[in-house]
Amino acid sequence: MKALVISTAFALLTSVVSAHPATKPHSTYSEVSIQYQGAGPGALRYETAATDGKFFFIDVPFSVSKIRMDGAGTCTFIGTDKSITTLPAGNTKDVGSPQMQFGGYCFG
């Protein structure tokens, strides 16, 4: 009788464990803080982006002349006139001729 109870309990435990497989831990990405600077007065916009390598769109309503980035990682920004600006965190960089920024991606 004892053997039957133990084998039944083991079978029940095995079925519960196999019905709920272990989940993978979620990867965590940091975020960077981005500052877009335009040529005109008051032309300044801030946003954050995840360092997960996924493309993001930039919603800045003015031509950007400089980009500053803080946090941990490196980002690449793509302008509407085909400029490509890559910079590591903690730096400011000119985008070339001022232009609207289309999108970008960041890695940590």
C-alpha atoms as a PDB file:
ATOM      1  CA  MET A   1       0.000   0.000   0.000  1.00  0.00           C
ATOM      2  CA  LYS A   2       2.819   2.367   0.912  1.00  0.00           C
ATOM      3  CA  ALA A   3       4.518   1.718  -2.453  1.00  0.00           C
ATOM      4  CA  LEU A   4       1.278   2.514  -4.306  1.00  0.00           C
ATOM      5  CA  VAL A   5       0.880   5.840  -2.494  1.00  0.00           C
ATOM      6  CA  ILE A   6       4.504   6.810  -3.184  1.00  0.00           C
ATOM      7  CA  SER A   7       4.336   5.852  -6.872  1.00  0.00           C
ATOM      8  CA  THR A   8       1.011   7.701  -7.281  1.00  0.00           C
ATOM      9  CA  ALA A   9       2.445  10.814  -5.605  1.00  0.00           C
ATOM     10  CA  PHE A  10       5.540  10.642  -7.804  1.00  0.00           C
ATOM     11  CA  ALA A  11       3.412  10.286 -10.953  1.00  0.00           C
ATOM     12  CA  LEU A  12       1.263  13.262  -9.908  1.00  0.00           C
ATOM     13  CA  LEU A  13       4.333  15.398  -9.170  1.00  0.00           C
ATOM     14  CA  THR A  14       5.914  14.464 -12.515  1.00  0.00           C
ATOM     15  CA  SER A  15       2.786  15.428 -14.435  1.00  0.00           C
ATOM     16  CA  VAL A  16       2.534  18.798 -12.653  1.00  0.00           C
ATOM     17  CA  VAL A  17       6.191  19.625 -13.313  1.00  0.00           C
ATOM     18  CA  SER A  18       5.985  18.668 -16.990  1.00  0.00           C
ATOM     19  CA  ALA A  19       2.760  20.668 -17.403  1.00  0.00           C
ATOM     20  CA  HIS A  20       4.532  23.837 -16.206  1.00  0.00           C
ATOM     21  CA  PRO A  21       7.962  23.966 -17.842  1.00  0.00           C
ATOM     22  CA  ALA A  22      10.478  26.389 -16.433  1.00  0.00           C
ATOM     23  CA  THR A  23      10.303  29.776 -18.077  1.00  0.00           C
ATOM     24  CA  LYS A  24      13.373  31.488 -19.410  1.00  0.00           C
ATOM     25  CA  PRO A  25      14.418  34.518 -17.421  1.00  0.00           C
ATOM     26  CA  HIS A  26      13.612  37.746 -19.208  1.00  0.00           C
ATOM     27  CA  SER A  27      16.586  39.629 -20.534  1.00  0.00           C
ATOM     28  CA  THR A  28      16.913  43.045 -19.033  1.00  0.00           C
ATOM     29  CA  TYR A  29      18.093  45.990 -21.034  1.00  0.00           C
ATOM     30  CA  SER A  30      19.065  49.373 -19.791  1.00  0.00           C
ATOM     31  CA  GLU A  31      17.861  52.638 -21.220  1.00  0.00           C
ATOM     32  CA  VAL A  32      19.774  55.604 -22.494  1.00  0.00           C
ATOM     33  CA  SER A  33      18.712  59.223 -22.256  1.00  0.00           C
ATOM     34  CA  ILE A  34      18.865  61.117 -25.549  1.00  0.00           C
ATOM     35  CA  GLN A  35      18.868  64.860 -26.087  1.00  0.00           C
ATOM     36  CA  TYR A  36      18.182  66.287 -29.552  1.00  0.00           C
ATOM     37  CA  GLN A  37      19.422  69.854 -30.057  1.00  0.00           C
ATOM     38  CA  GLY A  38      18.170  72.018 -32.898  1.00  0.00           C
ATOM     39  CA  ALA A  39      19.633  75.176 -34.338  1.00  0.00           C
ATOM     40  CA  GLY A  40      16.813  77.493 -33.243  1.00  0.00           C
ATOM     41  CA  PRO A  41      16.076  78.825 -29.760  1.00  0.00           C
ATOM     42  CA  GLY A  42      14.121  76.377 -27.647  1.00  0.00           C
ATOM     43  CA  ALA A  43      14.753  73.541 -30.098  1.00  0.00           C
ATOM     44  CA  LEU A  44      15.482  70.868 -27.521  1.00  0.00           C
ATOM     45  CA  ARG A  45      13.819  67.496 -27.021  1.00  0.00           C
ATOM     46  CA  TYR A  46      14.506  64.593 -24.646  1.00  0.00           C
ATOM     47  CA  GLU A  47      13.576  60.927 -24.925  1.00  0.00           C
ATOM     48  CA  THR A  48      14.761  57.533 -23.756  1.00  0.00           C
ATOM     49  CA  ALA A  49      15.488  54.376 -25.715  1.00  0.00           C
ATOM     50  CA  ALA A  50      16.107  50.789 -24.686  1.00  0.00           C
ATOM     51  CA  THR A  51      19.504  49.275 -25.436  1.00  0.00           C
ATOM     52  CA  ASP A  52      17.930  46.138 -26.891  1.00  0.00           C
ATOM     53  CA  GLY A  53      19.018  46.733 -30.491  1.00  0.00           C
ATOM     54  CA  LYS A  54      15.466  47.235 -31.760  1.00  0.00           C
ATOM     55  CA  PHE A  55      14.754  50.036 -34.215  1.00  0.00           C
ATOM     56  CA  PHE A  56      12.789  52.984 -32.823  1.00  0.00           C
ATOM     57  CA  PHE A  57      11.217  55.951 -34.560  1.00  0.00           C
ATOM     58  CA  ILE A  58      12.172  59.479 -33.538  1.00  0.00           C
ATOM     59  CA  ASP A  59       9.407  62.032 -33.123  1.00  0.00           C
ATOM     60  CA  VAL A  60      11.245  65.343 -33.077  1.00  0.00           C
ATOM     61  CA  PRO A  61       9.490  68.167 -34.980  1.00  0.00           C
ATOM     62  CA  PHE A  62      12.604  70.174 -35.898  1.00  0.00           C
ATOM     63  CA  SER A  63      15.909  69.786 -37.699  1.00  0.00           C
ATOM     64  CA  VAL A  64      18.502  68.380 -35.328  1.00  0.00           C
ATOM     65  CA  SER A  65      22.062  69.684 -35.324  1.00  0.00           C
ATOM     66  CA  LYS A  66      23.492  67.796 -32.312  1.00  0.00           C
ATOM     67  CA  ILE A  67      22.639  64.657 -30.357  1.00  0.00           C
ATOM     68  CA  ARG A  68      23.720  63.988 -26.781  1.00  0.00           C
ATOM     69  CA  MET A  69      23.362  60.599 -25.138  1.00  0.00           C
ATOM     70  CA  ASP A  70      23.754  59.511 -21.507  1.00  0.00           C
ATOM     71  CA  GLY A  71      23.548  56.054 -19.968  1.00  0.00           C
ATOM     72  CA  ALA A  72      25.361  52.843 -20.863  1.00  0.00           C
ATOM     73  CA  GLY A  73      25.537  51.854 -24.491  1.00  0.00           C
ATOM     74  CA  THR A  74      26.024  53.032 -28.039  1.00  0.00           C
ATOM     75  CA  CYS A  75      23.323  54.367 -30.359  1.00  0.00           C
ATOM     76  CA  THR A  76      23.073  54.978 -34.079  1.00  0.00           C
ATOM     77  CA  PHE A  77      20.671  57.608 -35.435  1.00  0.00           C
ATOM     78  CA  ILE A  78      19.462  57.934 -39.016  1.00  0.00           C
ATOM     79  CA  GLY A  79      18.518  61.306 -40.456  1.00  0.00           C
ATOM     80  CA  THR A  80      15.959  62.020 -43.162  1.00  0.00           C
ATOM     81  CA  ASP A  81      18.772  63.256 -45.436  1.00  0.00           C
ATOM     82  CA  LYS A  82      20.587  59.930 -44.890  1.00  0.00           C
ATOM     83  CA  SER A  83      22.975  61.051 -42.175  1.00  0.00           C
ATOM     84  CA  ILE A  84      24.167  58.279 -39.874  1.00  0.00           C
ATOM     85  CA  THR A  85      25.332  59.379 -36.447  1.00  0.00           C
ATOM     86  CA  THR A  86      26.824  56.827 -34.039  1.00  0.00           C
ATOM     87  CA  LEU A  87      27.919  57.771 -30.567  1.00  0.00           C
ATOM     88  CA  PRO A  88      28.669  56.131 -27.238  1.00  0.00           C
ATOM     89  CA  ALA A  89      26.930  57.280 -24.095  1.00  0.00           C
ATOM     90  CA  GLY A  90      28.239  60.402 -22.424  1.00  0.00           C
ATOM     91  CA  ASN A  91      29.037  62.135 -25.699  1.00  0.00           C
ATOM     92  CA  THR A  92      27.602  64.871 -27.909  1.00  0.00           C
ATOM     93  CA  LYS A  93      27.987  64.725 -31.667  1.00  0.00           C
ATOM     94  CA  ASP A  94      27.078  66.904 -34.647  1.00  0.00           C
ATOM     95  CA  VAL A  95      24.828  65.167 -37.169  1.00  0.00           C
ATOM     96  CA  GLY A  96      26.410  67.015 -40.092  1.00  0.00           C
ATOM     97  CA  SER A  97      24.014  69.390 -41.817  1.00  0.00           C
ATOM     98  CA  PRO A  98      20.965  69.912 -39.548  1.00  0.00           C
ATOM     99  CA  GLN A  99      18.142  67.552 -40.491  1.00  0.00           C
ATOM    100  CA  MET A 100      15.132  65.754 -39.102  1.00  0.00           C
ATOM    101  CA  GLN A 101      15.956  62.436 -37.479  1.00  0.00           C
ATOM    102  CA  PHE A 102      14.013  59.407 -38.680  1.00  0.00           C
ATOM    103  CA  GLY A 103      14.956  56.603 -36.283  1.00  0.00           C
ATOM    104  CA  GLY A 104      17.707  54.720 -34.549  1.00  0.00           C
ATOM    105  CA  TYR A 105      18.768  51.763 -32.460  1.00  0.00           C
ATOM    106  CA  CYS A 106      20.865  51.297 -29.320  1.00  0.00           C
ATOM    107  CA  PHE A 107      22.928  48.492 -27.862  1.00  0.00           C
ATOM    108  CA  GLY A 108      24.060  48.122 -24.256  1.00  0.00           C
END
